[in-house]
Amino acid sequence: MGNYGAYVWTCFALALAVLVYSDWSARVRHKRVYRDIEVRIKALEERE
């Protein structure tokens, strides 16, 4: 990598951080939406 090693590894680290954050935020959002759907289904079942 010559003199560019620090830049290359920094880019790899930043890319990994973005991927991890993206995965984490998608999972959190999915859980939140799933819970909301469950609450709505329970509310509909109670109405009947």
N, C-alpha and C. Protein backbone atom coordinates (compact mmCIF):
# COMPACT_ATOMS: atom_id res chain seq x y z
N MET A 1 0.81 -1.19 0.00
CA MET A 1 0.00 0.00 0.00
C MET A 1 0.86 1.25 0.00
N GLY A 2 2.11 1.06 0.23
CA GLY A 2 3.00 2.21 0.18
C GLY A 2 2.68 3.22 1.26
N ASN A 3 2.65 4.45 0.88
CA ASN A 3 2.37 5.54 1.82
C ASN A 3 0.88 5.79 2.01
N TYR A 4 0.05 5.01 1.33
CA TYR A 4 -1.39 5.23 1.38
C TYR A 4 -2.12 4.32 2.37
N GLY A 5 -1.40 3.55 3.12
CA GLY A 5 -2.01 2.59 4.05
C GLY A 5 -2.97 3.23 5.04
N ALA A 6 -2.58 4.35 5.58
CA ALA A 6 -3.44 5.02 6.57
C ALA A 6 -4.76 5.44 5.93
N TYR A 7 -4.72 5.93 4.71
CA TYR A 7 -5.93 6.35 4.02
C TYR A 7 -6.80 5.14 3.66
N VAL A 8 -6.16 4.08 3.19
CA VAL A 8 -6.90 2.87 2.80
C VAL A 8 -7.61 2.27 4.01
N TRP A 9 -6.90 2.10 5.11
CA TRP A 9 -7.51 1.49 6.29
C TRP A 9 -8.57 2.39 6.91
N THR A 10 -8.38 3.70 6.82
CA THR A 10 -9.39 4.63 7.31
C THR A 10 -10.67 4.50 6.48
N CYS A 11 -10.52 4.38 5.17
CA CYS A 11 -11.69 4.20 4.30
C CYS A 11 -12.38 2.88 4.60
N PHE A 12 -11.62 1.81 4.81
CA PHE A 12 -12.23 0.52 5.16
C PHE A 12 -12.99 0.64 6.48
N ALA A 13 -12.40 1.29 7.44
CA ALA A 13 -13.04 1.44 8.75
C ALA A 13 -14.32 2.27 8.64
N LEU A 14 -14.28 3.35 7.88
CA LEU A 14 -15.47 4.17 7.71
C LEU A 14 -16.56 3.42 6.96
N ALA A 15 -16.20 2.67 5.95
CA ALA A 15 -17.18 1.88 5.21
C ALA A 15 -17.81 0.83 6.11
N LEU A 16 -17.00 0.18 6.92
CA LEU A 16 -17.53 -0.80 7.85
C LEU A 16 -18.46 -0.15 8.86
N ALA A 17 -18.09 1.01 9.36
CA ALA A 17 -18.94 1.72 10.32
C ALA A 17 -20.29 2.08 9.69
N VAL A 18 -20.28 2.53 8.45
CA VAL A 18 -21.52 2.87 7.76
C VAL A 18 -22.39 1.63 7.57
N LEU A 19 -21.78 0.51 7.20
CA LEU A 19 -22.54 -0.72 7.02
C LEU A 19 -23.14 -1.22 8.33
N VAL A 20 -22.37 -1.16 9.39
CA VAL A 20 -22.86 -1.60 10.70
C VAL A 20 -24.00 -0.70 11.16
N TYR A 21 -23.84 0.60 11.02
CA TYR A 21 -24.89 1.54 11.42
C TYR A 21 -26.15 1.32 10.59
N SER A 22 -25.99 1.13 9.31
CA SER A 22 -27.13 0.92 8.43
C SER A 22 -27.90 -0.34 8.83
N ASP A 23 -27.18 -1.42 9.10
CA ASP A 23 -27.81 -2.66 9.52
C ASP A 23 -28.53 -2.48 10.85
N TRP A 24 -27.86 -1.85 11.80
CA TRP A 24 -28.43 -1.63 13.13
C TRP A 24 -29.70 -0.78 13.04
N SER A 25 -29.64 0.32 12.29
CA SER A 25 -30.81 1.21 12.21
C SER A 25 -31.97 0.52 11.51
N ALA A 26 -31.70 -0.32 10.52
CA ALA A 26 -32.76 -1.06 9.85
C ALA A 26 -33.42 -2.04 10.80
N ARG A 27 -32.62 -2.71 11.62
CA ARG A 27 -33.19 -3.66 12.59
C ARG A 27 -34.04 -2.95 13.64
N VAL A 28 -33.57 -1.80 14.12
CA VAL A 28 -34.33 -1.05 15.11
C VAL A 28 -35.65 -0.57 14.51
N ARG A 29 -35.61 -0.07 13.31
CA ARG A 29 -36.83 0.40 12.64
C ARG A 29 -37.79 -0.76 12.42
N HIS A 30 -37.28 -1.91 12.00
CA HIS A 30 -38.11 -3.08 11.77
C HIS A 30 -38.82 -3.49 13.06
N LYS A 31 -38.09 -3.52 14.17
CA LYS A 31 -38.70 -3.88 15.45
C LYS A 31 -39.79 -2.89 15.83
N ARG A 32 -39.53 -1.61 15.62
CA ARG A 32 -40.50 -0.57 15.96
C ARG A 32 -41.77 -0.71 15.13
N VAL A 33 -41.62 -0.93 13.84
CA VAL A 33 -42.78 -1.09 12.96
C VAL A 33 -43.54 -2.37 13.32
N TYR A 34 -42.82 -3.45 13.59
CA TYR A 34 -43.45 -4.72 13.96
C TYR A 34 -44.28 -4.56 15.23
N ARG A 35 -43.73 -3.87 16.24
CA ARG A 35 -44.46 -3.63 17.48
C ARG A 35 -45.71 -2.80 17.23
N ASP A 36 -45.58 -1.80 16.38
CA ASP A 36 -46.73 -0.96 16.04
C ASP A 36 -47.83 -1.79 15.37
N ILE A 37 -47.45 -2.66 14.47
CA ILE A 37 -48.42 -3.53 13.81
C ILE A 37 -49.09 -4.45 14.82
N GLU A 38 -48.32 -5.01 15.75
CA GLU A 38 -48.90 -5.87 16.78
C GLU A 38 -49.92 -5.12 17.63
N VAL A 39 -49.60 -3.89 18.00
CA VAL A 39 -50.51 -3.08 18.81
C VAL A 39 -51.80 -2.81 18.02
N ARG A 40 -51.67 -2.49 16.76
CA ARG A 40 -52.86 -2.22 15.95
C ARG A 40 -53.73 -3.47 15.79
N ILE A 41 -53.10 -4.62 15.60
CA ILE A 41 -53.87 -5.86 15.48
C ILE A 41 -54.61 -6.16 16.78
N LYS A 42 -53.94 -6.00 17.91
CA LYS A 42 -54.59 -6.24 19.21
C LYS A 42 -55.75 -5.27 19.41
N ALA A 43 -55.59 -4.02 19.00
CA ALA A 43 -56.66 -3.04 19.14
C ALA A 43 -57.86 -3.43 18.27
N LEU A 44 -57.60 -3.93 17.08
CA LEU A 44 -58.69 -4.37 16.21
C LEU A 44 -59.40 -5.59 16.78
N GLU A 45 -58.63 -6.51 17.38
CA GLU A 45 -59.23 -7.70 17.96
C GLU A 45 -60.10 -7.34 19.17
N GLU A 46 -59.70 -6.36 19.95
CA GLU A 46 -60.47 -5.95 21.11
C GLU A 46 -61.77 -5.26 20.72
N ARG A 47 -61.81 -4.63 19.56
CA ARG A 47 -63.00 -3.93 19.09
C ARG A 47 -64.10 -4.92 18.72
N GLU A 48 -63.72 -6.11 18.33
CA GLU A 48 -64.71 -7.09 17.86
C GLU A 48 -65.33 -7.85 18.99
